[in-house]
């Protein structure tokens, strides 16, 4: 009886492997913990505020353009 050879690795599987070295980063003392969370929260709040401001301006422009016709 003949044994089946193991299936060869599919090259597409290698495409989905993550490069751990690329995602690795190092923090100096004081860069992690509460200070980092505060910084990220501040960045998130400013991003949301900027998004709301831009969407309000675009909505107002579209409203006035549609009203004038």
PDB file of N, CA and C in Angstrom:
ATOM      1  N   UNK A   1       0.842  -1.184   0.000  1.00  0.00           N
ATOM      2  CA  UNK A   1       0.000   0.000   0.000  1.00  0.00           C
ATOM      3  C   UNK A   1       0.887   1.247   0.000  1.00  0.00           C
ATOM      4  N   UNK A   2       0.540   2.178  -0.841  1.00  0.00           N
ATOM      5  CA  UNK A   2       1.355   3.380  -1.012  1.00  0.00           C
ATOM      6  C   UNK A   2       0.854   4.494  -0.098  1.00  0.00           C
ATOM      7  N   UNK A   3       1.811   5.131   0.599  1.00  0.00           N
ATOM      8  CA  UNK A   3       1.439   6.238   1.485  1.00  0.00           C
ATOM      9  C   UNK A   3       1.373   7.539   0.694  1.00  0.00           C
ATOM     10  N   UNK A   4       0.479   8.385   1.118  1.00  0.00           N
ATOM     11  CA  UNK A   4       0.358   9.692   0.483  1.00  0.00           C
ATOM     12  C   UNK A   4       1.389  10.645   1.078  1.00  0.00           C
ATOM     13  N   UNK A   5       1.978  11.442   0.242  1.00  0.00           N
ATOM     14  CA  UNK A   5       2.934  12.439   0.705  1.00  0.00           C
ATOM     15  C   UNK A   5       2.188  13.602   1.351  1.00  0.00           C
ATOM     16  N   UNK A   6       2.808  14.256   2.331  1.00  0.00           N
ATOM     17  CA  UNK A   6       2.124  15.410   2.934  1.00  0.00           C
ATOM     18  C   UNK A   6       1.925  16.529   1.912  1.00  0.00           C
ATOM     19  N   UNK A   7       0.857  17.229   2.068  1.00  0.00           N
ATOM     20  CA  UNK A   7       0.518  18.303   1.124  1.00  0.00           C
ATOM     21  C   UNK A   7       1.573  19.403   1.205  1.00  0.00           C
ATOM     22  N   UNK A   8       1.987  19.940   0.065  1.00  0.00           N
ATOM     23  CA  UNK A   8       2.978  21.027   0.096  1.00  0.00           C
ATOM     24  C   UNK A   8       2.354  22.285   0.674  1.00  0.00           C
ATOM     25  N   UNK A   9       3.197  23.111   1.282  1.00  0.00           N
ATOM     26  CA  UNK A   9       2.698  24.377   1.827  1.00  0.00           C
ATOM     27  C   UNK A   9       2.223  25.261   0.694  1.00  0.00           C
ATOM     28  N   UNK A  10       1.133  25.865   0.912  1.00  0.00           N
ATOM     29  CA  UNK A  10       0.576  26.760  -0.096  1.00  0.00           C
ATOM     30  C   UNK A  10       1.256  28.119   0.058  1.00  0.00           C
ATOM     31  N   UNK A  11       1.739  28.649  -1.041  1.00  0.00           N
ATOM     32  CA  UNK A  11       2.461  29.929  -0.971  1.00  0.00           C
ATOM     33  C   UNK A  11       1.552  31.069  -0.520  1.00  0.00           C
ATOM     34  N   UNK A  12       0.246  30.921  -0.718  1.00  0.00           N
ATOM     35  CA  UNK A  12      -0.664  31.979  -0.277  1.00  0.00           C
ATOM     36  C   UNK A  12      -0.705  32.076   1.239  1.00  0.00           C
ATOM     37  N   UNK A  13      -0.465  30.963   1.910  1.00  0.00           N
ATOM     38  CA  UNK A  13      -0.477  30.998   3.361  1.00  0.00           C
ATOM     39  C   UNK A  13       0.635  31.904   3.880  1.00  0.00           C
ATOM     40  N   UNK A  14       1.753  31.951   3.186  1.00  0.00           N
ATOM     41  CA  UNK A  14       2.845  32.803   3.606  1.00  0.00           C
ATOM     42  C   UNK A  14       2.480  34.276   3.483  1.00  0.00           C
ATOM     43  N   UNK A  15       1.599  34.593   2.569  1.00  0.00           N
ATOM     44  CA  UNK A  15       1.175  35.971   2.348  1.00  0.00           C
ATOM     45  C   UNK A  15       0.476  36.518   3.593  1.00  0.00           C
ATOM     46  N   UNK A  16      -0.266  35.658   4.298  1.00  0.00           N
ATOM     47  CA  UNK A  16      -1.057  36.111   5.434  1.00  0.00           C
ATOM     48  C   UNK A  16      -0.299  36.076   6.751  1.00  0.00           C
ATOM     49  N   UNK A  17       0.907  35.546   6.767  1.00  0.00           N
ATOM     50  CA  UNK A  17       1.674  35.533   8.004  1.00  0.00           C
ATOM     51  C   UNK A  17       2.071  36.958   8.368  1.00  0.00           C
ATOM     52  N   UNK A  18       1.990  37.256   9.639  1.00  0.00           N
ATOM     53  CA  UNK A  18       2.318  38.605  10.091  1.00  0.00           C
ATOM     54  C   UNK A  18       3.815  38.715  10.345  1.00  0.00           C
ATOM     55  N   UNK A  19       4.343  39.866  10.007  1.00  0.00           N
ATOM     56  CA  UNK A  19       5.731  40.150  10.269  1.00  0.00           C
ATOM     57  C   UNK A  19       5.818  40.776  11.656  1.00  0.00           C
ATOM     58  N   UNK A  20       6.214  39.968  12.639  1.00  0.00           N
ATOM     59  CA  UNK A  20       6.211  40.443  14.016  1.00  0.00           C
ATOM     60  C   UNK A  20       7.250  41.535  14.242  1.00  0.00           C
ATOM     61  N   UNK A  21       8.348  41.489  13.520  1.00  0.00           N
ATOM     62  CA  UNK A  21       9.379  42.505  13.688  1.00  0.00           C
ATOM     63  C   UNK A  21       8.886  43.884  13.262  1.00  0.00           C
ATOM     64  N   UNK A  22       8.036  43.922  12.262  1.00  0.00           N
ATOM     65  CA  UNK A  22       7.540  45.191  11.769  1.00  0.00           C
ATOM     66  C   UNK A  22       6.629  45.877  12.785  1.00  0.00           C
ATOM     67  N   UNK A  23       5.884  45.074  13.548  1.00  0.00           N
ATOM     68  CA  UNK A  23       4.927  45.631  14.498  1.00  0.00           C
ATOM     69  C   UNK A  23       5.535  45.814  15.890  1.00  0.00           C
ATOM     70  N   UNK A  24       6.790  45.462  16.066  1.00  0.00           N
ATOM     71  CA  UNK A  24       7.416  45.590  17.372  1.00  0.00           C
ATOM     72  C   UNK A  24       7.906  47.026  17.567  1.00  0.00           C
ATOM     73  N   UNK A  25       7.683  47.553  18.731  1.00  0.00           N
ATOM     74  CA  UNK A  25       8.226  48.858  19.067  1.00  0.00           C
ATOM     75  C   UNK A  25       8.612  48.842  20.539  1.00  0.00           C
ATOM     76  N   UNK A  26       9.474  49.724  20.893  1.00  0.00           N
ATOM     77  CA  UNK A  26       9.983  49.772  22.250  1.00  0.00           C
ATOM     78  C   UNK A  26       9.600  51.096  22.900  1.00  0.00           C
ATOM     79  N   UNK A  27       9.251  51.034  24.165  1.00  0.00           N
ATOM     80  CA  UNK A  27       8.897  52.221  24.909  1.00  0.00           C
ATOM     81  C   UNK A  27       9.992  52.539  25.905  1.00  0.00           C
ATOM     82  N   UNK A  28      10.311  53.809  26.010  1.00  0.00           N
ATOM     83  CA  UNK A  28      11.230  54.255  27.038  1.00  0.00           C
ATOM     84  C   UNK A  28      10.450  54.420  28.344  1.00  0.00           C
ATOM     85  N   UNK A  29      11.144  54.487  29.466  1.00  0.00           N
ATOM     86  CA  UNK A  29      10.428  54.693  30.729  1.00  0.00           C
ATOM     87  C   UNK A  29       9.582  55.963  30.688  1.00  0.00           C
ATOM     88  N   UNK A  30       8.347  55.852  31.134  1.00  0.00           N
ATOM     89  CA  UNK A  30       7.443  56.996  31.149  1.00  0.00           C
ATOM     90  C   UNK A  30       6.607  57.150  29.893  1.00  0.00           C
ATOM     91  N   UNK A  31       6.827  56.302  28.881  1.00  0.00           N
ATOM     92  CA  UNK A  31       6.079  56.426  27.628  1.00  0.00           C
ATOM     93  C   UNK A  31       4.845  55.533  27.590  1.00  0.00           C
ATOM     94  N   UNK A  32       4.708  54.656  28.541  1.00  0.00           N
ATOM     95  CA  UNK A  32       3.560  53.760  28.561  1.00  0.00           C
ATOM     96  C   UNK A  32       2.644  54.116  29.715  1.00  0.00           C
ATOM     97  N   UNK A  33       1.653  53.276  29.940  1.00  0.00           N
ATOM     98  CA  UNK A  33       0.773  53.470  31.091  1.00  0.00           C
ATOM     99  C   UNK A  33      -0.191  54.623  30.919  1.00  0.00           C
ATOM    100  N   UNK A  34      -0.400  55.323  32.034  1.00  0.00           N
ATOM    101  CA  UNK A  34      -1.408  56.394  32.047  1.00  0.00           C
ATOM    102  C   UNK A  34      -1.088  57.533  31.091  1.00  0.00           C
ATOM    103  N   UNK A  35       0.184  57.897  30.996  1.00  0.00           N
ATOM    104  CA  UNK A  35       0.563  59.010  30.117  1.00  0.00           C
ATOM    105  C   UNK A  35       0.222  58.686  28.658  1.00  0.00           C
ATOM    106  N   UNK A  36       0.480  57.466  28.256  1.00  0.00           N
ATOM    107  CA  UNK A  36       0.181  57.078  26.872  1.00  0.00           C
ATOM    108  C   UNK A  36      -1.317  57.043  26.620  1.00  0.00           C
ATOM    109  N   UNK A  37      -2.050  56.515  27.600  1.00  0.00           N
ATOM    110  CA  UNK A  37      -3.515  56.471  27.435  1.00  0.00           C
ATOM    111  C   UNK A  37      -4.097  57.880  27.365  1.00  0.00           C
ATOM    112  N   UNK A  38      -3.586  58.795  28.203  1.00  0.00           N
ATOM    113  CA  UNK A  38      -4.061  60.190  28.147  1.00  0.00           C
ATOM    114  C   UNK A  38      -3.768  60.819  26.802  1.00  0.00           C
ATOM    115  N   UNK A  39      -2.573  60.552  26.279  1.00  0.00           N
ATOM    116  CA  UNK A  39      -2.198  61.109  24.978  1.00  0.00           C
ATOM    117  C   UNK A  39      -3.089  60.558  23.872  1.00  0.00           C
ATOM    118  N   UNK A  40      -3.350  59.246  23.894  1.00  0.00           N
ATOM    119  CA  UNK A  40      -4.210  58.648  22.870  1.00  0.00           C
ATOM    120  C   UNK A  40      -5.642  59.136  23.000  1.00  0.00           C
ATOM    121  N   UNK A  41      -6.121  59.322  24.226  1.00  0.00           N
ATOM    122  CA  UNK A  41      -7.480  59.823  24.434  1.00  0.00           C
ATOM    123  C   UNK A  41      -7.603  61.259  23.940  1.00  0.00           C
ATOM    124  N   UNK A  42      -6.567  62.068  24.179  1.00  0.00           N
ATOM    125  CA  UNK A  42      -6.572  63.451  23.673  1.00  0.00           C
ATOM    126  C   UNK A  42      -6.590  63.464  22.148  1.00  0.00           C
ATOM    127  N   UNK A  43      -5.782  62.596  21.543  1.00  0.00           N
ATOM    128  CA  UNK A  43      -5.750  62.492  20.086  1.00  0.00           C
ATOM    129  C   UNK A  43      -7.107  62.060  19.538  1.00  0.00           C
ATOM    130  N   UNK A  44      -7.750  61.103  20.209  1.00  0.00           N
ATOM    131  CA  UNK A  44      -9.073  60.638  19.777  1.00  0.00           C
ATOM    132  C   UNK A  44     -10.104  61.758  19.872  1.00  0.00           C
ATOM    133  N   UNK A  45     -10.068  62.508  20.953  1.00  0.00           N
ATOM    134  CA  UNK A  45     -11.040  63.602  21.119  1.00  0.00           C
ATOM    135  C   UNK A  45     -10.861  64.678  20.054  1.00  0.00           C
ATOM    136  N   UNK A  46      -9.605  65.062  19.780  1.00  0.00           N
ATOM    137  CA  UNK A  46      -9.373  66.069  18.747  1.00  0.00           C
ATOM    138  C   UNK A  46      -9.767  65.551  17.369  1.00  0.00           C
ATOM    139  N   UNK A  47      -9.559  64.267  17.123  1.00  0.00           N
ATOM    140  CA  UNK A  47      -9.953  63.677  15.840  1.00  0.00           C
ATOM    141  C   UNK A  47     -11.462  63.705  15.670  1.00  0.00           C
ATOM    142  N   UNK A  48     -12.178  63.354  16.732  1.00  0.00           N
ATOM    143  CA  UNK A  48     -13.644  63.396  16.666  1.00  0.00           C
ATOM    144  C   UNK A  48     -14.150  64.819  16.477  1.00  0.00           C
ATOM    145  N   UNK A  49     -13.550  65.772  17.180  1.00  0.00           N
ATOM    146  CA  UNK A  49     -13.964  67.173  17.044  1.00  0.00           C
ATOM    147  C   UNK A  49     -13.709  67.676  15.625  1.00  0.00           C
ATOM    148  N   UNK A  50     -12.552  67.336  15.062  1.00  0.00           N
ATOM    149  CA  UNK A  50     -12.244  67.769  13.697  1.00  0.00           C
ATOM    150  C   UNK A  50     -13.197  67.112  12.695  1.00  0.00           C
ATOM    151  N   UNK A  51     -13.513  65.850  12.902  1.00  0.00           N
ATOM    152  CA  UNK A  51     -14.452  65.157  12.015  1.00  0.00           C
ATOM    153  C   UNK A  51     -15.839  65.771  12.067  1.00  0.00           C
ATOM    154  N   UNK A  52     -16.302  66.091  13.271  1.00  0.00           N
ATOM    155  CA  UNK A  52     -17.615  66.731  13.405  1.00  0.00           C
ATOM    156  C   UNK A  52     -17.633  68.117  12.762  1.00  0.00           C
ATOM    157  N   UNK A  53     -16.559  68.860  12.933  1.00  0.00           N
ATOM    158  CA  UNK A  53     -16.474  70.202  12.339  1.00  0.00           C
ATOM    159  C   UNK A  53     -16.499  70.123  10.812  1.00  0.00           C
ATOM    160  N   UNK A  54     -15.710  69.244  10.243  1.00  0.00           N
ATOM    161  CA  UNK A  54     -15.659  69.110   8.785  1.00  0.00           C
ATOM    162  C   UNK A  54     -16.996  68.619   8.243  1.00  0.00           C
ATOM    163  N   UNK A  55     -17.610  67.654   8.914  1.00  0.00           N
ATOM    164  CA  UNK A  55     -18.900  67.152   8.421  1.00  0.00           C
ATOM    165  C   UNK A  55     -19.987  68.218   8.528  1.00  0.00           C
ATOM    166  N   UNK A  56     -19.929  69.063   9.551  1.00  0.00           N
ATOM    167  CA  UNK A  56     -20.898  70.153   9.675  1.00  0.00           C
ATOM    168  C   UNK A  56     -20.717  71.172   8.557  1.00  0.00           C
ATOM    169  N   UNK A  57     -19.481  71.492   8.247  1.00  0.00           N
ATOM    170  CA  UNK A  57     -19.210  72.456   7.168  1.00  0.00           C
ATOM    171  C   UNK A  57     -19.676  71.898   5.818  1.00  0.00           C
ATOM    172  N   UNK A  58     -19.373  70.624   5.558  1.00  0.00           N
ATOM    173  CA  UNK A  58     -19.801  70.011   4.288  1.00  0.00           C
ATOM    174  C   UNK A  58     -21.326  69.948   4.215  1.00  0.00           C
ATOM    175  N   UNK A  59     -21.980  69.599   5.339  1.00  0.00           N
ATOM    176  CA  UNK A  59     -23.446  69.539   5.356  1.00  0.00           C
ATOM    177  C   UNK A  59     -24.045  70.923   5.099  1.00  0.00           C
ATOM    178  N   UNK A  60     -23.456  71.967   5.682  1.00  0.00           N
ATOM    179  CA  UNK A  60     -23.967  73.320   5.475  1.00  0.00           C
ATOM    180  C   UNK A  60     -23.796  73.752   4.022  1.00  0.00           C
ATOM    181  N   UNK A  61     -22.653  73.448   3.436  1.00  0.00           N
ATOM    182  CA  UNK A  61     -22.423  73.789   2.025  1.00  0.00           C
ATOM    183  C   UNK A  61     -23.429  73.084   1.125  1.00  0.00           C
ATOM    184  N   UNK A  62     -23.630  71.796   1.357  1.00  0.00           N
ATOM    185  CA  UNK A  62     -24.601  71.043   0.539  1.00  0.00           C
ATOM    186  C   UNK A  62     -26.023  71.567   0.740  1.00  0.00           C
ATOM    187  N   UNK A  63     -26.350  71.944   1.972  1.00  0.00           N
ATOM    188  CA  UNK A  63     -27.686  72.466   2.245  1.00  0.00           C
ATOM    189  C   UNK A  63     -27.915  73.774   1.483  1.00  0.00           C
ATOM    190  N   UNK A  64     -26.944  74.685   1.555  1.00  0.00           N
ATOM    191  CA  UNK A  64     -27.124  75.974   0.881  1.00  0.00           C
ATOM    192  C   UNK A  64     -27.074  75.841  -0.633  1.00  0.00           C
ATOM    193  N   UNK A  65     -26.312  74.889  -1.155  1.00  0.00           N
ATOM    194  CA  UNK A  65     -26.297  74.662  -2.599  1.00  0.00           C
ATOM    195  C   UNK A  65     -27.628  74.096  -3.079  1.00  0.00           C
ATOM    196  N   UNK A  66     -28.228  73.202  -2.322  1.00  0.00           N
ATOM    197  CA  UNK A  66     -29.508  72.622  -2.741  1.00  0.00           C
ATOM    198  C   UNK A  66     -30.660  73.605  -2.541  1.00  0.00           C
ATOM    199  N   UNK A  67     -30.532  74.516  -1.603  1.00  0.00           N
ATOM    200  CA  UNK A  67     -31.591  75.484  -1.340  1.00  0.00           C
ATOM    201  C   UNK A  67     -31.646  76.578  -2.388  1.00  0.00           C
ATOM    202  N   UNK A  68     -30.508  76.914  -2.984  1.00  0.00           N
ATOM    203  CA  UNK A  68     -30.462  78.014  -3.934  1.00  0.00           C
ATOM    204  C   UNK A  68     -31.068  77.640  -5.274  1.00  0.00           C
ATOM    205  N   UNK A  69     -31.248  76.361  -5.544  1.00  0.00           N
ATOM    206  CA  UNK A  69     -31.782  75.965  -6.850  1.00  0.00           C
ATOM    207  C   UNK A  69     -33.252  75.925  -6.866  1.00  0.00           C
TER     208      UNK A  69
END
